[in-house]
Amino acid sequence: MRILQITSGGRKANGAVLYAADLSKRLCERGHDVWMLTPPGSFVAGAIAGSKVRHEPSDLSRWPLAELKRVRDLIRREGIDVVHGHNSRAFNFAVCLRRLFGIPCVSTAHSNKIQVHWCLADRIIAVSQATRRFHCRWNLVRPSRISVIHNPIDTQRFRPLDAAERQQVRRDIGLPDDALVLLIAGHVIARKGQLTAVQAMPRILKKFPQARLVMVGHESAEYGPAVRAEAARLGLNEQVQWLPSRDDVEQVFGAADLCLCPSLDEPFGLTACEALACEVPVVASRLGGFLETIQPDRSGLLVPRKDPDELAKATLSLLQQPSQRQAMGRFGRQWVVEHLGSDSHDTSVEGVYRQVCRPS
């Protein structure tokens, strides 16, 4: 097939953009021809450099119609079979291509937002059953048009580190040798709930003064300073470490003792699954995609959202039992390997494409 992927991500990486770039490269490896339409200067251009994916810059403007017509001409000239949109703005652009020119359109629902254009696609891919329910209820997507395909995890990249590797990574990022590392990976935004983790730290530190909360990811302009201010108010400047987004985040996962996911809403929970692939158990909010990917008492624990006391209690219970943490980590990786492989994921996505492609 000949496939056009559209993303609207900017210069900073996010889960949806990374997913689209990785999917595009794998589809090329499976024999498809793939183009990626993204804003000029976007992160994606670098992410697909050196691969067979062809990059096409676009500002994704919908009015006047000049850009839509230009992309339509590209689609006709290259014989593209299907358009796959990611991110809200990108999917809106893809829906316009469908409505104006009849081009088959698929979109992956990476988030839960009320937006009218979701019901206009030929097919929707939801990253979890929770996301499927949301879009059927609030965006009036017909159940027959939406399929659940969990995000895949690269288990060769996200893997457990040996003792020497763990120690080296910890030293490289400035952690004490005896630190108990609680990791939160992802953008520092309100939806991710980092504030709850900071508020849980004083209780954790009473029993484990060597605990360190490590946050990896880009900070939003409003929420990042608010989390930093709360850490300072609680006297945690030495116990909370901030790292910018990094290309080798899998190394930090492998060096952690626990992964915390105190999200207020989570369509899938990619970082939790990446942690499990590294044999790092997870303490996550009892909601959304976590209900489908975390097996309580086997690969992690689930707690109420926005509840620092319950988060601290669950974290302490695992810090006190190293052997249980190790067993949970091993089970978690096995589950990810068995259920979130890229090959079965990509086969399922190809099946969705075939459902919408017009007969040649």
Protein backbone atom coordinates (compact mmCIF):
# COMPACT_ATOMS: atom_id res chain seq x y z
CA MET A 1 0.00 0.00 0.00
CA ARG A 2 0.88 3.66 -0.39
CA ILE A 3 0.20 5.52 2.84
CA LEU A 4 0.27 9.18 3.89
CA GLN A 5 0.76 9.74 7.62
CA ILE A 6 -0.10 13.22 8.93
CA THR A 7 1.12 14.65 12.24
CA SER A 8 0.85 18.16 13.63
CA GLY A 9 3.55 17.90 16.28
CA GLY A 10 6.08 20.71 16.49
CA ARG A 11 9.74 20.71 17.44
CA LYS A 12 9.19 18.74 20.67
CA ALA A 13 8.48 15.02 20.72
CA ASN A 14 5.30 13.60 22.17
CA GLY A 15 3.83 10.12 22.30
CA ALA A 16 1.58 10.49 19.26
CA VAL A 17 4.35 11.90 17.06
CA LEU A 18 6.83 9.23 18.12
CA TYR A 19 4.21 6.56 17.47
CA ALA A 20 3.53 7.89 13.96
CA ALA A 21 7.23 8.09 13.08
CA ASP A 22 7.99 4.59 14.37
CA LEU A 23 4.92 3.13 12.66
CA SER A 24 5.90 4.76 9.37
CA LYS A 25 9.40 3.29 9.49
CA ARG A 26 8.10 -0.18 10.31
CA LEU A 27 5.51 -0.01 7.51
CA CYS A 28 8.32 0.77 5.06
CA GLU A 29 10.20 -2.26 6.33
CA ARG A 30 7.06 -4.31 5.66
CA GLY A 31 7.09 -3.28 2.01
CA HIS A 32 4.76 -0.27 1.98
CA ASP A 33 5.49 3.18 0.55
CA VAL A 34 5.02 5.82 3.24
CA TRP A 35 5.01 9.62 3.25
CA MET A 36 4.82 11.82 6.35
CA LEU A 37 3.12 15.21 6.12
CA THR A 38 4.24 17.45 9.00
CA PRO A 39 4.75 21.15 9.77
CA PRO A 40 8.11 22.54 8.58
CA GLY A 41 10.87 22.08 11.15
CA SER A 42 8.93 19.48 13.11
CA PHE A 43 10.55 16.82 15.27
CA VAL A 44 9.40 14.14 12.84
CA ALA A 45 11.81 15.19 10.08
CA GLY A 46 14.74 14.19 12.26
CA ALA A 47 13.02 11.09 13.61
CA ILE A 48 12.61 9.58 10.13
CA ALA A 49 15.94 10.74 8.74
CA GLY A 50 17.85 7.88 7.15
CA SER A 51 14.75 5.73 6.72
CA LYS A 52 12.72 5.04 3.58
CA VAL A 53 9.90 7.30 4.78
CA ARG A 54 9.49 10.36 2.58
CA HIS A 55 8.92 13.68 4.32
CA GLU A 56 6.55 16.32 2.95
CA PRO A 57 6.35 19.66 4.83
CA SER A 58 2.94 21.29 5.23
CA ASP A 59 1.46 23.97 7.46
CA LEU A 60 -1.80 21.94 7.48
CA SER A 61 -3.87 25.07 6.84
CA ARG A 62 -7.48 24.39 5.94
CA TRP A 63 -8.46 27.83 4.69
CA PRO A 64 -8.07 29.01 2.06
CA LEU A 65 -8.14 25.64 0.30
CA ALA A 66 -4.78 25.99 -1.45
CA GLU A 67 -2.87 23.65 0.88
CA LEU A 68 -5.61 21.03 0.88
CA LYS A 69 -5.61 21.09 -2.93
CA ARG A 70 -1.82 20.83 -3.03
CA VAL A 71 -1.89 17.75 -0.80
CA ARG A 72 -4.77 16.31 -2.82
CA ASP A 73 -2.63 16.66 -5.94
CA LEU A 74 0.27 14.94 -4.15
CA ILE A 75 -2.02 12.07 -3.17
CA ARG A 76 -3.29 11.65 -6.73
CA ARG A 77 0.16 11.98 -8.28
CA GLU A 78 1.72 9.39 -5.96
CA GLY A 79 -1.28 7.06 -6.02
CA ILE A 80 -1.68 7.13 -2.25
CA ASP A 81 -4.31 4.66 -0.99
CA VAL A 82 -5.07 5.91 2.51
CA VAL A 83 -4.40 8.86 4.81
CA HIS A 84 -3.73 8.25 8.52
CA GLY A 85 -4.03 11.23 10.87
CA HIS A 86 -2.44 11.70 14.31
CA ASN A 87 -2.97 14.63 16.72
CA SER A 88 -6.12 16.75 16.55
CA ARG A 89 -5.00 19.29 13.97
CA ALA A 90 -3.55 16.62 11.69
CA PHE A 91 -6.69 14.53 11.87
CA ASN A 92 -8.84 17.59 11.16
CA PHE A 93 -6.78 18.13 8.01
CA ALA A 94 -7.19 14.45 7.06
CA VAL A 95 -10.97 14.66 7.54
CA CYS A 96 -11.07 17.70 5.25
CA LEU A 97 -9.28 15.65 2.57
CA ARG A 98 -11.91 12.97 2.97
CA ARG A 99 -14.92 15.29 2.96
CA LEU A 100 -13.74 17.48 0.08
CA PHE A 101 -12.04 14.95 -2.16
CA GLY A 102 -13.20 11.49 -1.05
CA ILE A 103 -9.77 10.30 0.11
CA PRO A 104 -9.98 7.31 2.52
CA CYS A 105 -9.14 8.45 6.05
CA VAL A 106 -8.07 6.67 9.24
CA SER A 107 -7.11 8.26 12.53
CA THR A 108 -5.60 7.00 15.75
CA ALA A 109 -7.24 8.35 18.90
CA HIS A 110 -4.25 9.04 21.13
CA SER A 111 -6.27 11.20 23.53
CA ASN A 112 -9.75 11.75 24.93
CA LYS A 113 -11.09 15.07 23.64
CA ILE A 114 -14.56 16.13 22.61
CA GLN A 115 -14.20 17.15 18.94
CA VAL A 116 -16.79 16.85 16.22
CA HIS A 117 -14.45 15.66 13.46
CA TRP A 118 -13.94 12.23 15.07
CA CYS A 119 -17.27 10.97 13.76
CA LEU A 120 -16.32 11.89 10.17
CA ALA A 121 -13.46 9.44 9.59
CA ASP A 122 -13.82 6.16 7.72
CA ARG A 123 -12.17 4.31 10.61
CA ILE A 124 -10.79 5.17 14.05
CA ILE A 125 -8.07 3.25 15.87
CA ALA A 126 -8.41 3.60 19.65
CA VAL A 127 -5.34 2.90 21.80
CA SER A 128 -7.46 1.29 24.55
CA GLN A 129 -10.97 0.12 25.33
CA ALA A 130 -11.31 3.16 27.59
CA THR A 131 -10.56 5.47 24.67
CA ARG A 132 -12.98 3.57 22.44
CA ARG A 133 -15.77 4.04 25.00
CA PHE A 134 -15.00 7.74 25.30
CA HIS A 135 -15.19 8.40 21.56
CA CYS A 136 -18.34 6.36 21.08
CA ARG A 137 -20.06 8.19 23.92
CA TRP A 138 -18.86 11.76 23.53
CA ASN A 139 -17.84 12.09 19.87
CA LEU A 140 -20.67 9.90 18.51
CA VAL A 141 -18.31 7.54 16.70
CA ARG A 142 -20.24 4.50 15.56
CA PRO A 143 -18.96 1.37 17.36
CA SER A 144 -18.61 -0.43 14.03
CA ARG A 145 -16.09 2.19 12.88
CA ILE A 146 -13.66 2.09 15.80
CA SER A 147 -11.12 -0.66 16.55
CA VAL A 148 -8.87 -1.09 19.60
CA ILE A 149 -5.19 -1.62 18.85
CA HIS A 150 -2.87 -1.12 21.82
CA ASN A 151 0.34 0.78 21.17
CA PRO A 152 3.38 -1.46 20.58
CA ILE A 153 6.53 -1.45 22.69
CA ASP A 154 10.03 -1.91 21.28
CA THR A 155 11.24 -4.55 23.73
CA GLN A 156 14.74 -4.57 22.27
CA ARG A 157 15.14 -0.90 23.03
CA PHE A 158 13.25 -1.02 26.34
CA ARG A 159 14.95 -3.83 28.20
CA PRO A 160 16.30 -4.51 31.70
CA LEU A 161 19.82 -3.25 32.42
CA ASP A 162 22.43 -5.31 34.20
CA ALA A 163 23.87 -4.08 37.49
CA ALA A 164 26.85 -2.33 35.92
CA GLU A 165 24.70 -0.53 33.36
CA ARG A 166 22.24 0.62 36.04
CA GLN A 167 25.04 1.98 38.20
CA GLN A 168 26.61 3.84 35.30
CA VAL A 169 23.34 5.49 34.25
CA ARG A 170 22.66 6.56 37.84
CA ARG A 171 26.10 8.14 38.11
CA ASP A 172 25.71 9.84 34.74
CA ILE A 173 22.53 11.61 35.86
CA GLY A 174 23.92 12.46 39.28
CA LEU A 175 22.09 10.02 41.55
CA PRO A 176 23.63 8.63 44.75
CA ASP A 177 24.67 4.98 44.53
CA ASP A 178 22.14 3.95 47.21
CA ALA A 179 19.20 5.93 45.83
CA LEU A 180 15.78 4.34 45.45
CA VAL A 181 14.72 5.86 42.14
CA LEU A 182 11.07 6.70 41.52
CA LEU A 183 10.72 7.68 37.88
CA ILE A 184 8.05 9.72 36.12
CA ALA A 185 8.61 9.98 32.36
CA GLY A 186 6.65 12.29 30.07
CA HIS A 187 5.74 15.92 29.61
CA VAL A 188 5.27 17.80 32.87
CA ILE A 189 1.65 18.79 32.29
CA ALA A 190 -1.40 18.81 34.55
CA ARG A 191 -2.89 15.65 33.01
CA LYS A 192 0.19 13.63 34.03
CA GLY A 193 -0.27 14.45 37.73
CA GLN A 194 3.35 15.03 38.74
CA LEU A 195 2.11 17.31 41.52
CA THR A 196 0.53 14.31 43.27
CA ALA A 197 3.87 12.49 43.26
CA VAL A 198 5.68 15.48 44.74
CA GLN A 199 3.06 15.71 47.49
CA ALA A 200 3.53 11.99 48.24
CA MET A 201 7.29 12.32 48.71
CA PRO A 202 7.43 13.56 52.34
CA ARG A 203 5.65 10.41 53.54
CA ILE A 204 7.91 8.20 51.42
CA LEU A 205 11.05 9.94 52.66
CA LYS A 206 10.14 9.34 56.30
CA LYS A 207 10.77 5.61 55.79
CA PHE A 208 13.20 5.78 52.89
CA PRO A 209 15.28 8.97 53.09
CA GLN A 210 17.37 7.71 50.15
CA ALA A 211 14.35 7.86 47.79
CA ARG A 212 14.68 10.20 44.82
CA LEU A 213 11.88 11.33 42.50
CA VAL A 214 13.24 11.72 38.97
CA MET A 215 11.09 13.49 36.38
CA VAL A 216 12.08 13.26 32.73
CA GLY A 217 10.32 15.38 30.15
CA HIS A 218 9.55 18.80 28.78
CA GLU A 219 7.91 21.16 31.28
CA SER A 220 4.83 23.16 30.34
CA ALA A 221 5.00 26.90 30.92
CA GLU A 222 2.38 26.89 33.70
CA TYR A 223 2.35 23.45 35.29
CA GLY A 224 6.12 22.92 35.42
CA PRO A 225 6.78 25.98 37.64
CA ALA A 226 3.82 25.02 39.85
CA VAL A 227 5.29 21.55 40.47
CA ARG A 228 8.72 23.03 41.14
CA ALA A 229 7.21 25.52 43.57
CA GLU A 230 5.44 22.75 45.48
CA ALA A 231 8.67 20.74 45.69
CA ALA A 232 10.45 23.79 47.08
CA ARG A 233 7.64 24.48 49.57
CA LEU A 234 7.94 20.91 50.86
CA GLY A 235 11.73 21.20 51.12
CA LEU A 236 12.35 18.60 48.39
CA ASN A 237 14.85 20.40 46.18
CA GLU A 238 17.49 17.73 46.93
CA GLN A 239 15.09 14.80 46.62
CA VAL A 240 13.44 15.74 43.32
CA GLN A 241 15.56 15.68 40.20
CA TRP A 242 14.52 17.19 36.87
CA LEU A 243 15.81 15.94 33.53
CA PRO A 244 14.89 17.31 30.10
CA SER A 245 13.45 15.10 27.39
CA ARG A 246 16.15 12.77 26.11
CA ASP A 247 16.59 10.32 23.27
CA ASP A 248 17.95 7.59 25.56
CA VAL A 249 15.05 7.62 28.05
CA GLU A 250 15.09 3.82 28.02
CA GLN A 251 18.38 4.02 29.94
CA VAL A 252 16.73 6.02 32.71
CA PHE A 253 13.84 3.54 32.83
CA GLY A 254 16.31 0.71 33.27
CA ALA A 255 18.02 2.51 36.15
CA ALA A 256 14.77 3.06 38.09
CA ASP A 257 13.36 1.02 40.98
CA LEU A 258 9.74 2.02 40.39
CA CYS A 259 7.83 3.94 37.75
CA LEU A 260 5.09 6.28 39.00
CA CYS A 261 2.17 7.20 36.73
CA PRO A 262 -0.13 9.43 38.80
CA SER A 263 -2.10 10.63 35.76
CA LEU A 264 -5.47 12.34 36.02
CA ASP A 265 -6.45 10.88 32.64
CA GLU A 266 -4.59 8.36 30.49
CA PRO A 267 -5.90 6.98 27.19
CA PHE A 268 -3.21 4.26 27.07
CA GLY A 269 -0.21 4.84 29.34
CA LEU A 270 2.79 4.28 27.11
CA THR A 271 5.42 5.05 29.73
CA ALA A 272 3.98 2.46 32.10
CA CYS A 273 4.39 -0.23 29.44
CA GLU A 274 7.90 0.96 28.60
CA ALA A 275 8.79 0.67 32.29
CA LEU A 276 7.39 -2.86 32.43
CA ALA A 277 9.47 -3.79 29.39
CA CYS A 278 12.51 -2.72 31.44
CA GLU A 279 11.35 -4.97 34.32
CA VAL A 280 10.41 -1.93 36.40
CA PRO A 281 7.06 -2.30 38.23
CA VAL A 282 4.52 0.52 38.09
CA VAL A 283 2.32 2.40 40.54
CA ALA A 284 -0.39 4.08 38.47
CA SER A 285 -3.76 5.76 38.77
CA ARG A 286 -6.74 3.44 38.62
CA LEU A 287 -8.16 4.73 35.35
CA GLY A 288 -8.05 4.67 31.56
CA GLY A 289 -5.55 2.49 29.76
CA PHE A 290 -3.81 1.49 33.00
CA LEU A 291 -6.77 -0.79 33.75
CA GLU A 292 -5.87 -2.76 30.62
CA THR A 293 -2.07 -2.86 30.88
CA ILE A 294 -1.28 -3.06 34.62
CA GLN A 295 -2.13 -6.33 36.38
CA PRO A 296 -2.60 -5.41 40.07
CA ASP A 297 -0.24 -7.25 42.42
CA ARG A 298 1.44 -8.91 39.43
CA SER A 299 3.10 -6.07 37.49
CA GLY A 300 2.19 -3.08 39.64
CA LEU A 301 -0.37 -1.38 41.84
CA LEU A 302 -3.29 0.90 41.02
CA VAL A 303 -4.37 3.78 43.26
CA PRO A 304 -7.02 6.52 43.18
CA ARG A 305 -6.01 9.57 41.17
CA LYS A 306 -5.03 12.82 42.92
CA ASP A 307 -4.46 10.97 46.21
CA PRO A 308 -0.91 11.54 47.51
CA ASP A 309 -1.47 9.39 50.60
CA GLU A 310 -2.57 6.33 48.60
CA LEU A 311 0.25 6.85 46.11
CA ALA A 312 2.76 7.02 48.97
CA LYS A 313 1.24 3.94 50.63
CA ALA A 314 1.47 1.84 47.46
CA THR A 315 4.99 3.06 46.71
CA LEU A 316 6.16 2.25 50.23
CA SER A 317 4.67 -1.23 50.07
CA LEU A 318 6.84 -2.03 47.03
CA LEU A 319 9.97 -0.26 48.29
CA GLN A 320 9.77 -2.46 51.39
CA GLN A 321 9.72 -5.66 49.32
CA PRO A 322 12.63 -5.82 46.83
CA SER A 323 11.89 -9.42 45.91
CA GLN A 324 8.28 -8.57 45.07
CA ARG A 325 9.46 -5.66 42.92
CA GLN A 326 11.75 -7.98 40.99
CA ALA A 327 9.01 -10.58 40.48
CA MET A 328 6.58 -7.88 39.31
CA GLY A 329 9.18 -6.54 36.89
CA ARG A 330 9.76 -9.97 35.37
CA PHE A 331 6.04 -10.62 34.98
CA GLY A 332 5.49 -7.16 33.51
CA ARG A 333 8.13 -7.63 30.82
CA GLN A 334 6.77 -11.05 29.91
CA TRP A 335 3.27 -9.57 29.54
CA VAL A 336 4.52 -6.74 27.32
CA VAL A 337 6.48 -9.12 25.11
CA GLU A 338 3.43 -11.36 24.70
CA HIS A 339 0.77 -8.68 24.21
CA LEU A 340 2.37 -5.51 22.84
CA GLY A 341 4.62 -6.72 20.04
CA SER A 342 5.04 -4.44 17.02
CA ASP A 343 4.45 -7.22 14.46
CA SER A 344 0.91 -8.04 15.60
CA HIS A 345 0.17 -4.32 16.04
CA ASP A 346 1.27 -3.47 12.50
CA THR A 347 -0.69 -6.37 11.04
CA SER A 348 -3.81 -5.04 12.76
CA VAL A 349 -3.20 -1.51 11.43
CA GLU A 350 -2.76 -2.88 7.91
CA GLY A 351 -6.12 -4.62 8.32
CA VAL A 352 -7.78 -1.30 9.14
CA TYR A 353 -6.19 0.30 6.07
CA ARG A 354 -7.55 -2.46 3.85
CA GLN A 355 -11.04 -1.91 5.21
CA VAL A 356 -11.11 1.70 3.97
CA CYS A 357 -9.10 1.45 0.75
CA ARG A 358 -11.17 1.65 -2.40
CA PRO A 359 -10.91 -1.33 -4.75
CA SER A 360 -8.28 -0.72 -7.41
